[in-house]
PDB file of N, CA and C in Angstrom:
ATOM      1  N   UNK A   1       0.703  -8.629  -1.769  1.00  0.00           N
ATOM      2  CA  UNK A   1       0.586  -8.902  -2.552  1.00  0.00           C
ATOM      3  C   UNK A   1      -0.467  -8.234  -3.401  1.00  0.00           C
ATOM      4  N   UNK A   2      -0.759  -8.436  -4.717  1.00  0.00           N
ATOM      5  CA  UNK A   2      -1.745  -7.782  -5.211  1.00  0.00           C
ATOM      6  C   UNK A   2      -1.832  -8.590  -6.575  1.00  0.00           C
ATOM      7  N   UNK A   3      -3.431  -9.132  -6.617  1.00  0.00           N
ATOM      8  CA  UNK A   3      -3.313 -10.368  -7.754  1.00  0.00           C
ATOM      9  C   UNK A   3      -4.712  -9.765  -8.355  1.00  0.00           C
ATOM     10  N   UNK A   4      -5.029  -8.981  -9.269  1.00  0.00           N
ATOM     11  CA  UNK A   4      -6.590  -8.639  -9.807  1.00  0.00           C
ATOM     12  C   UNK A   4      -6.341  -7.289  -8.946  1.00  0.00           C
ATOM     13  N   UNK A   5      -8.140  -7.574  -8.498  1.00  0.00           N
ATOM     14  CA  UNK A   5      -8.461  -6.153  -7.475  1.00  0.00           C
ATOM     15  C   UNK A   5      -7.808  -6.666  -6.249  1.00  0.00           C
ATOM     16  N   UNK A   6      -7.803  -7.809  -6.129  1.00  0.00           N
ATOM     17  CA  UNK A   6      -7.591  -8.395  -4.981  1.00  0.00           C
ATOM     18  C   UNK A   6      -5.842  -8.079  -3.634  1.00  0.00           C
ATOM     19  N   UNK A   7      -6.032  -7.593  -3.283  1.00  0.00           N
ATOM     20  CA  UNK A   7      -4.798  -7.174  -2.273  1.00  0.00           C
ATOM     21  C   UNK A   7      -4.880  -7.968  -0.599  1.00  0.00           C
ATOM     22  N   UNK A   8      -3.504  -8.506  -0.931  1.00  0.00           N
ATOM     23  CA  UNK A   8      -3.356  -9.242   0.537  1.00  0.00           C
ATOM     24  C   UNK A   8      -1.898  -8.398   1.427  1.00  0.00           C
ATOM     25  N   UNK A   9      -1.757  -8.654   2.643  1.00  0.00           N
ATOM     26  CA  UNK A   9      -0.505  -8.284   3.217  1.00  0.00           C
ATOM     27  C   UNK A   9      -0.067  -9.937   3.981  1.00  0.00           C
ATOM     28  N   UNK A  10       1.571 -10.149   3.781  1.00  0.00           N
ATOM     29  CA  UNK A  10       1.829 -11.680   4.282  1.00  0.00           C
ATOM     30  C   UNK A  10       3.244 -10.958   4.861  1.00  0.00           C
ATOM     31  N   UNK A  11       3.197 -11.673   5.625  1.00  0.00           N
ATOM     32  CA  UNK A  11       4.403 -11.824   6.706  1.00  0.00           C
ATOM     33  C   UNK A  11       5.644 -12.867   6.581  1.00  0.00           C
ATOM     34  N   UNK A  12       6.214 -12.331   6.359  1.00  0.00           N
ATOM     35  CA  UNK A  12       7.591 -13.016   5.885  1.00  0.00           C
ATOM     36  C   UNK A  12       8.245 -13.423   7.304  1.00  0.00           C
ATOM     37  N   UNK A  13       8.403 -14.750   7.518  1.00  0.00           N
ATOM     38  CA  UNK A  13       9.355 -15.240   8.887  1.00  0.00           C
ATOM     39  C   UNK A  13      10.611 -16.092   8.172  1.00  0.00           C
ATOM     40  N   UNK A  14      11.865 -16.040   9.347  1.00  0.00           N
ATOM     41  CA  UNK A  14      12.580 -17.044   8.628  1.00  0.00           C
ATOM     42  C   UNK A  14      12.723 -18.349   8.634  1.00  0.00           C
ATOM     43  N   UNK A  15      12.936 -18.788   7.804  1.00  0.00           N
ATOM     44  CA  UNK A  15      12.927 -20.372   7.381  1.00  0.00           C
ATOM     45  C   UNK A  15      14.330 -20.966   6.923  1.00  0.00           C
ATOM     46  N   UNK A  16      15.159 -21.248   7.740  1.00  0.00           N
ATOM     47  CA  UNK A  16      16.576 -21.685   7.690  1.00  0.00           C
ATOM     48  C   UNK A  16      17.417 -20.556   7.197  1.00  0.00           C
ATOM     49  N   UNK A  17      18.136 -19.962   6.173  1.00  0.00           N
ATOM     50  CA  UNK A  17      18.671 -19.038   5.287  1.00  0.00           C
ATOM     51  C   UNK A  17      17.667 -18.546   4.514  1.00  0.00           C
ATOM     52  N   UNK A  18      16.859 -18.612   4.572  1.00  0.00           N
ATOM     53  CA  UNK A  18      15.741 -17.813   3.315  1.00  0.00           C
ATOM     54  C   UNK A  18      14.534 -17.090   4.450  1.00  0.00           C
ATOM     55  N   UNK A  19      13.888 -16.248   3.898  1.00  0.00           N
ATOM     56  CA  UNK A  19      12.229 -16.002   4.178  1.00  0.00           C
ATOM     57  C   UNK A  19      11.278 -16.538   3.849  1.00  0.00           C
ATOM     58  N   UNK A  20      10.105 -16.916   4.204  1.00  0.00           N
ATOM     59  CA  UNK A  20       9.270 -17.490   4.089  1.00  0.00           C
ATOM     60  C   UNK A  20       7.582 -16.927   4.152  1.00  0.00           C
ATOM     61  N   UNK A  21       7.142 -16.792   3.104  1.00  0.00           N
ATOM     62  CA  UNK A  21       5.514 -16.283   3.478  1.00  0.00           C
ATOM     63  C   UNK A  21       4.418 -17.371   3.988  1.00  0.00           C
ATOM     64  N   UNK A  22       3.622 -16.862   5.037  1.00  0.00           N
ATOM     65  CA  UNK A  22       3.233 -17.014   5.917  1.00  0.00           C
ATOM     66  C   UNK A  22       1.576 -16.596   5.658  1.00  0.00           C
ATOM     67  N   UNK A  23       0.574 -17.460   6.173  1.00  0.00           N
ATOM     68  CA  UNK A  23      -0.498 -16.682   5.718  1.00  0.00           C
ATOM     69  C   UNK A  23      -1.734 -17.093   4.299  1.00  0.00           C
ATOM     70  N   UNK A  24      -2.855 -16.621   4.481  1.00  0.00           N
ATOM     71  CA  UNK A  24      -3.866 -17.178   3.123  1.00  0.00           C
ATOM     72  C   UNK A  24      -3.450 -15.926   1.980  1.00  0.00           C
ATOM     73  N   UNK A  25      -3.239 -16.617   1.007  1.00  0.00           N
ATOM     74  CA  UNK A  25      -3.008 -15.599   0.083  1.00  0.00           C
ATOM     75  C   UNK A  25      -2.602 -16.240  -1.715  1.00  0.00           C
ATOM     76  N   UNK A  26      -3.029 -15.575  -2.468  1.00  0.00           N
ATOM     77  CA  UNK A  26      -3.058 -16.294  -4.177  1.00  0.00           C
ATOM     78  C   UNK A  26      -2.085 -15.603  -4.664  1.00  0.00           C
ATOM     79  N   UNK A  27      -1.350 -16.915  -5.528  1.00  0.00           N
ATOM     80  CA  UNK A  27      -0.427 -16.186  -6.402  1.00  0.00           C
ATOM     81  C   UNK A  27      -0.461 -17.090  -7.775  1.00  0.00           C
ATOM     82  N   UNK A  28      -0.494 -16.641  -8.731  1.00  0.00           N
ATOM     83  CA  UNK A  28      -1.321 -16.771  -9.901  1.00  0.00           C
ATOM     84  C   UNK A  28       0.248 -16.005 -10.947  1.00  0.00           C
ATOM     85  N   UNK A  29      -0.261 -16.116 -12.268  1.00  0.00           N
ATOM     86  CA  UNK A  29       0.764 -15.448 -13.073  1.00  0.00           C
ATOM     87  C   UNK A  29       0.017 -14.147 -13.061  1.00  0.00           C
ATOM     88  N   UNK A  30       0.808 -12.942 -12.972  1.00  0.00           N
ATOM     89  CA  UNK A  30       0.267 -11.757 -12.732  1.00  0.00           C
ATOM     90  C   UNK A  30       0.229 -11.162 -11.776  1.00  0.00           C
ATOM     91  N   UNK A  31       0.657 -11.720 -10.601  1.00  0.00           N
ATOM     92  CA  UNK A  31       0.859 -11.204  -9.521  1.00  0.00           C
ATOM     93  C   UNK A  31       1.946 -10.835  -9.059  1.00  0.00           C
ATOM     94  N   UNK A  32       1.661  -9.237  -8.292  1.00  0.00           N
ATOM     95  CA  UNK A  32       2.600  -8.508  -8.132  1.00  0.00           C
ATOM     96  C   UNK A  32       2.783  -8.524  -6.504  1.00  0.00           C
ATOM     97  N   UNK A  33       4.033  -8.101  -6.444  1.00  0.00           N
ATOM     98  CA  UNK A  33       4.065  -7.443  -4.916  1.00  0.00           C
ATOM     99  C   UNK A  33       5.330  -7.150  -4.601  1.00  0.00           C
ATOM    100  N   UNK A  34       5.434  -6.418  -3.567  1.00  0.00           N
ATOM    101  CA  UNK A  34       6.369  -5.581  -2.467  1.00  0.00           C
ATOM    102  C   UNK A  34       6.734  -5.915  -1.737  1.00  0.00           C
ATOM    103  N   UNK A  35       7.919  -6.015  -1.086  1.00  0.00           N
ATOM    104  CA  UNK A  35       8.464  -6.861  -0.333  1.00  0.00           C
ATOM    105  C   UNK A  35       9.573  -5.497   0.488  1.00  0.00           C
ATOM    106  N   UNK A  36       9.538  -5.037   1.872  1.00  0.00           N
ATOM    107  CA  UNK A  36       9.804  -3.808   2.491  1.00  0.00           C
ATOM    108  C   UNK A  36      10.449  -4.530   3.594  1.00  0.00           C
ATOM    109  N   UNK A  37      11.776  -4.662   4.050  1.00  0.00           N
ATOM    110  CA  UNK A  37      12.633  -4.807   4.758  1.00  0.00           C
ATOM    111  C   UNK A  37      13.023  -3.895   5.932  1.00  0.00           C
ATOM    112  N   UNK A  38      12.585  -4.032   7.019  1.00  0.00           N
ATOM    113  CA  UNK A  38      12.588  -2.960   8.008  1.00  0.00           C
ATOM    114  C   UNK A  38      13.774  -3.151   9.202  1.00  0.00           C
ATOM    115  N   UNK A  39      14.779  -2.446   9.326  1.00  0.00           N
ATOM    116  CA  UNK A  39      15.726  -2.789  10.370  1.00  0.00           C
ATOM    117  C   UNK A  39      16.002  -1.583  10.934  1.00  0.00           C
ATOM    118  N   UNK A  40      15.505  -2.102  12.695  1.00  0.00           N
ATOM    119  CA  UNK A  40      15.700  -0.603  13.755  1.00  0.00           C
ATOM    120  C   UNK A  40      14.617   0.389  13.195  1.00  0.00           C
ATOM    121  N   UNK A  41      13.013  -0.312  12.487  1.00  0.00           N
ATOM    122  CA  UNK A  41      12.241   0.499  12.762  1.00  0.00           C
ATOM    123  C   UNK A  41      12.033   1.489  11.377  1.00  0.00           C
ATOM    124  N   UNK A  42      13.076   1.486  10.696  1.00  0.00           N
ATOM    125  CA  UNK A  42      13.216   1.989   9.593  1.00  0.00           C
ATOM    126  C   UNK A  42      13.506   1.093   8.167  1.00  0.00           C
ATOM    127  N   UNK A  43      12.862   1.570   7.148  1.00  0.00           N
ATOM    128  CA  UNK A  43      12.359   0.863   5.669  1.00  0.00           C
ATOM    129  C   UNK A  43      14.054   0.596   5.471  1.00  0.00           C
ATOM    130  N   UNK A  44      14.839  -0.370   5.198  1.00  0.00           N
ATOM    131  CA  UNK A  44      16.563  -0.586   4.728  1.00  0.00           C
ATOM    132  C   UNK A  44      16.406  -0.813   3.377  1.00  0.00           C
ATOM    133  N   UNK A  45      15.177  -1.592   2.931  1.00  0.00           N
ATOM    134  CA  UNK A  45      15.071  -2.405   1.272  1.00  0.00           C
ATOM    135  C   UNK A  45      14.164  -2.250   1.171  1.00  0.00           C
ATOM    136  N   UNK A  46      13.747  -2.297  -0.348  1.00  0.00           N
ATOM    137  CA  UNK A  46      12.446  -2.592  -1.252  1.00  0.00           C
ATOM    138  C   UNK A  46      12.986  -3.115  -2.814  1.00  0.00           C
ATOM    139  N   UNK A  47      11.463  -4.460  -2.520  1.00  0.00           N
ATOM    140  CA  UNK A  47      11.859  -5.071  -3.676  1.00  0.00           C
ATOM    141  C   UNK A  47      10.897  -4.938  -4.078  1.00  0.00           C
ATOM    142  N   UNK A  48      10.506  -4.832  -5.346  1.00  0.00           N
ATOM    143  CA  UNK A  48       9.031  -5.231  -6.271  1.00  0.00           C
ATOM    144  C   UNK A  48       9.182  -6.439  -7.442  1.00  0.00           C
ATOM    145  N   UNK A  49       8.317  -7.059  -7.765  1.00  0.00           N
ATOM    146  CA  UNK A  49       8.432  -8.451  -8.644  1.00  0.00           C
ATOM    147  C   UNK A  49       6.966  -8.649  -9.267  1.00  0.00           C
ATOM    148  N   UNK A  50       6.862  -9.554 -10.340  1.00  0.00           N
ATOM    149  CA  UNK A  50       5.756 -10.132 -10.836  1.00  0.00           C
ATOM    150  C   UNK A  50       6.008 -11.505 -11.147  1.00  0.00           C
ATOM    151  N   UNK A  51       5.092 -12.303 -11.268  1.00  0.00           N
ATOM    152  CA  UNK A  51       4.851 -13.468 -10.946  1.00  0.00           C
ATOM    153  C   UNK A  51       4.825 -13.819 -12.610  1.00  0.00           C
ATOM    154  N   UNK A  52       5.668 -14.415 -13.425  1.00  0.00           N
ATOM    155  CA  UNK A  52       5.451 -14.866 -14.572  1.00  0.00           C
ATOM    156  C   UNK A  52       4.892 -16.121 -14.983  1.00  0.00           C
TER     157      UNK A  52
END
């Protein structure tokens, strides 16, 4: 997560049929994020987003 000059890493954990972020982080308008999903130790998918 990138919020202005603040950068933090957040772990995604299974929550039912979706993934949920755990940890202390700020999310506000303009926060940017990058999600990298790894399968068998290799990056399988990358997604980027921005909170509007």
